[in-house]
Amino acid sequence: MSSTQQVQVEDAPSRGRFEISVDGQVVGMASYHVDDGVMTLPHTEVSPAVAGRGLGTVLVAAVLASARQRGLSVLPYCSFVRHYLQQHPADQDLVRPDDRPHFGLPLTAR
């Protein structure tokens, strides 16, 4: 990905997902739904045409930042989101302690 490309993540609540676009073209999404203060994250995908550029990481970071800003906890059913959380312990507090073992996360956020 060149430094001149414009990457943007937007919440598309009417479609139940966050979308990541490069130069105005949607190349990935993270589906979600919110209920009772919990954001459930079942699926994330990025187009194979742009794979390996870190766009999935950018997308998940933005989704989790939005959850934090909205005061929501998260249920990371998506394996990519779980992997992100394992690699970014500072965001593990978004998963309630009682839910962490179910997702392979430590009981206490680091």
C-alpha atoms as a PDB file:
ATOM      1  CA  MET A   1       0.000   0.000   0.000  1.00  0.00           C
ATOM      2  CA  SER A   2       1.502   3.320  -0.995  1.00  0.00           C
ATOM      3  CA  SER A   3       1.591   6.287   1.337  1.00  0.00           C
ATOM      4  CA  THR A   4      -0.624   8.222  -1.074  1.00  0.00           C
ATOM      5  CA  GLN A   5      -3.567   5.835  -0.731  1.00  0.00           C
ATOM      6  CA  GLN A   6      -6.426   7.064   1.441  1.00  0.00           C
ATOM      7  CA  VAL A   7      -7.598   4.458   3.958  1.00  0.00           C
ATOM      8  CA  GLN A   8     -10.839   5.112   5.811  1.00  0.00           C
ATOM      9  CA  VAL A   9     -12.944   3.095   8.260  1.00  0.00           C
ATOM     10  CA  GLU A  10     -16.604   3.975   8.602  1.00  0.00           C
ATOM     11  CA  ASP A  11     -19.456   2.565  10.645  1.00  0.00           C
ATOM     12  CA  ALA A  12     -22.322   1.482   8.394  1.00  0.00           C
ATOM     13  CA  PRO A  13     -24.980   0.723  11.052  1.00  0.00           C
ATOM     14  CA  SER A  14     -27.764   0.209   8.508  1.00  0.00           C
ATOM     15  CA  ARG A  15     -25.710  -2.720   7.143  1.00  0.00           C
ATOM     16  CA  GLY A  16     -24.552  -3.862  10.586  1.00  0.00           C
ATOM     17  CA  ARG A  17     -20.880  -3.495   9.816  1.00  0.00           C
ATOM     18  CA  PHE A  18     -17.821  -1.318   9.753  1.00  0.00           C
ATOM     19  CA  GLU A  19     -16.273  -0.899   6.313  1.00  0.00           C
ATOM     20  CA  ILE A  20     -12.699  -0.153   5.360  1.00  0.00           C
ATOM     21  CA  SER A  21     -12.048   1.526   2.059  1.00  0.00           C
ATOM     22  CA  VAL A  22      -8.941   2.366   0.085  1.00  0.00           C
ATOM     23  CA  ASP A  23      -9.240   5.366  -2.222  1.00  0.00           C
ATOM     24  CA  GLY A  24     -13.032   5.253  -1.847  1.00  0.00           C
ATOM     25  CA  GLN A  25     -13.403   1.538  -2.694  1.00  0.00           C
ATOM     26  CA  VAL A  26     -14.695  -0.759   0.064  1.00  0.00           C
ATOM     27  CA  VAL A  27     -12.172  -3.577   0.482  1.00  0.00           C
ATOM     28  CA  GLY A  28     -13.226  -5.098   3.791  1.00  0.00           C
ATOM     29  CA  MET A  29     -15.767  -5.216   6.560  1.00  0.00           C
ATOM     30  CA  ALA A  30     -16.356  -6.274  10.151  1.00  0.00           C
ATOM     31  CA  SER A  31     -19.926  -7.269  10.931  1.00  0.00           C
ATOM     32  CA  TYR A  32     -21.408  -6.490  14.337  1.00  0.00           C
ATOM     33  CA  HIS A  33     -24.539  -6.058  16.344  1.00  0.00           C
ATOM     34  CA  VAL A  34     -25.088  -4.305  19.648  1.00  0.00           C
ATOM     35  CA  ASP A  35     -27.428  -5.491  22.367  1.00  0.00           C
ATOM     36  CA  ASP A  36     -27.530  -4.536  26.059  1.00  0.00           C
ATOM     37  CA  GLY A  37     -24.171  -2.755  26.023  1.00  0.00           C
ATOM     38  CA  VAL A  38     -22.353  -5.560  24.213  1.00  0.00           C
ATOM     39  CA  MET A  39     -20.951  -5.426  20.673  1.00  0.00           C
ATOM     40  CA  THR A  40     -20.861  -8.915  19.167  1.00  0.00           C
ATOM     41  CA  LEU A  41     -18.231  -9.327  16.442  1.00  0.00           C
ATOM     42  CA  PRO A  42     -18.967 -12.469  14.396  1.00  0.00           C
ATOM     43  CA  HIS A  43     -17.031 -11.910  11.165  1.00  0.00           C
ATOM     44  CA  THR A  44     -14.279  -9.817   9.585  1.00  0.00           C
ATOM     45  CA  GLU A  45     -13.011 -10.035   6.043  1.00  0.00           C
ATOM     46  CA  VAL A  46     -10.674  -8.171   3.727  1.00  0.00           C
ATOM     47  CA  SER A  47     -10.507  -8.651  -0.016  1.00  0.00           C
ATOM     48  CA  PRO A  48      -7.741 -11.051  -1.096  1.00  0.00           C
ATOM     49  CA  ALA A  49      -6.661  -8.349  -3.562  1.00  0.00           C
ATOM     50  CA  VAL A  50      -5.389  -6.228  -0.651  1.00  0.00           C
ATOM     51  CA  ALA A  51      -4.418  -8.997   1.777  1.00  0.00           C
ATOM     52  CA  GLY A  52      -1.156  -8.665   3.683  1.00  0.00           C
ATOM     53  CA  ARG A  53      -1.229  -4.869   3.875  1.00  0.00           C
ATOM     54  CA  GLY A  54      -2.399  -4.590   7.467  1.00  0.00           C
ATOM     55  CA  LEU A  55      -5.870  -3.384   6.563  1.00  0.00           C
ATOM     56  CA  GLY A  56      -7.569  -5.993   8.744  1.00  0.00           C
ATOM     57  CA  THR A  57      -5.594  -4.721  11.703  1.00  0.00           C
ATOM     58  CA  VAL A  58      -6.554  -1.120  10.930  1.00  0.00           C
ATOM     59  CA  LEU A  59     -10.202  -2.165  10.644  1.00  0.00           C
ATOM     60  CA  VAL A  60     -10.312  -4.100  13.921  1.00  0.00           C
ATOM     61  CA  ALA A  61      -8.454  -1.341  15.781  1.00  0.00           C
ATOM     62  CA  ALA A  62     -11.105   1.148  14.622  1.00  0.00           C
ATOM     63  CA  VAL A  63     -13.971  -1.170  15.579  1.00  0.00           C
ATOM     64  CA  LEU A  64     -12.562  -1.690  19.071  1.00  0.00           C
ATOM     65  CA  ALA A  65     -11.895   2.043  19.459  1.00  0.00           C
ATOM     66  CA  SER A  66     -15.537   2.688  18.587  1.00  0.00           C
ATOM     67  CA  ALA A  67     -16.701   0.104  21.124  1.00  0.00           C
ATOM     68  CA  ARG A  68     -14.528   1.736  23.782  1.00  0.00           C
ATOM     69  CA  GLN A  69     -15.783   5.225  22.908  1.00  0.00           C
ATOM     70  CA  ARG A  70     -19.388   3.999  23.136  1.00  0.00           C
ATOM     71  CA  GLY A  71     -18.762   2.264  26.479  1.00  0.00           C
ATOM     72  CA  LEU A  72     -19.485  -1.198  25.071  1.00  0.00           C
ATOM     73  CA  SER A  73     -17.893  -4.518  25.902  1.00  0.00           C
ATOM     74  CA  VAL A  74     -17.170  -6.905  23.032  1.00  0.00           C
ATOM     75  CA  LEU A  75     -17.714 -10.573  22.257  1.00  0.00           C
ATOM     76  CA  PRO A  76     -14.943 -11.482  19.760  1.00  0.00           C
ATOM     77  CA  TYR A  77     -16.446 -14.519  17.997  1.00  0.00           C
ATOM     78  CA  CYS A  78     -14.408 -13.650  14.888  1.00  0.00           C
ATOM     79  CA  SER A  79     -11.047 -15.453  14.986  1.00  0.00           C
ATOM     80  CA  PHE A  80      -9.256 -12.432  13.487  1.00  0.00           C
ATOM     81  CA  VAL A  81     -10.589 -10.166  16.253  1.00  0.00           C
ATOM     82  CA  ARG A  82      -9.508 -12.717  18.890  1.00  0.00           C
ATOM     83  CA  HIS A  83      -6.038 -12.861  17.352  1.00  0.00           C
ATOM     84  CA  TYR A  84      -5.867  -9.056  17.379  1.00  0.00           C
ATOM     85  CA  LEU A  85      -6.814  -9.008  21.066  1.00  0.00           C
ATOM     86  CA  GLN A  86      -4.168 -11.616  21.871  1.00  0.00           C
ATOM     87  CA  GLN A  87      -1.574  -9.398  20.170  1.00  0.00           C
ATOM     88  CA  HIS A  88      -2.890  -6.157  21.747  1.00  0.00           C
ATOM     89  CA  PRO A  89      -3.389  -6.848  25.471  1.00  0.00           C
ATOM     90  CA  ALA A  90      -4.307  -3.216  26.189  1.00  0.00           C
ATOM     91  CA  ASP A  91      -7.631  -3.831  24.424  1.00  0.00           C
ATOM     92  CA  GLN A  92      -8.474  -7.072  26.242  1.00  0.00           C
ATOM     93  CA  ASP A  93     -10.345  -5.106  28.894  1.00  0.00           C
ATOM     94  CA  LEU A  94     -13.111  -4.657  26.308  1.00  0.00           C
ATOM     95  CA  VAL A  95     -13.988  -8.330  26.868  1.00  0.00           C
ATOM     96  CA  ARG A  96     -15.738  -8.890  30.185  1.00  0.00           C
ATOM     97  CA  PRO A  97     -13.663 -11.014  32.586  1.00  0.00           C
ATOM     98  CA  ASP A  98     -16.337 -13.738  32.706  1.00  0.00           C
ATOM     99  CA  ASP A  99     -16.256 -13.985  28.889  1.00  0.00           C
ATOM    100  CA  ARG A 100     -12.456 -14.049  28.452  1.00  0.00           C
ATOM    101  CA  PRO A 101     -11.901 -17.801  29.020  1.00  0.00           C
ATOM    102  CA  HIS A 102     -14.456 -18.592  26.300  1.00  0.00           C
ATOM    103  CA  PHE A 103     -12.307 -16.646  23.827  1.00  0.00           C
ATOM    104  CA  GLY A 104      -8.898 -17.852  25.026  1.00  0.00           C
ATOM    105  CA  LEU A 105      -8.032 -14.573  26.716  1.00  0.00           C
ATOM    106  CA  PRO A 106      -6.499 -14.198  30.186  1.00  0.00           C
ATOM    107  CA  LEU A 107      -8.875 -13.519  33.073  1.00  0.00           C
ATOM    108  CA  THR A 108      -7.136 -10.242  33.837  1.00  0.00           C
ATOM    109  CA  ALA A 109      -6.374  -7.769  31.079  1.00  0.00           C
ATOM    110  CA  ARG A 110      -2.719  -6.877  30.866  1.00  0.00           C
END
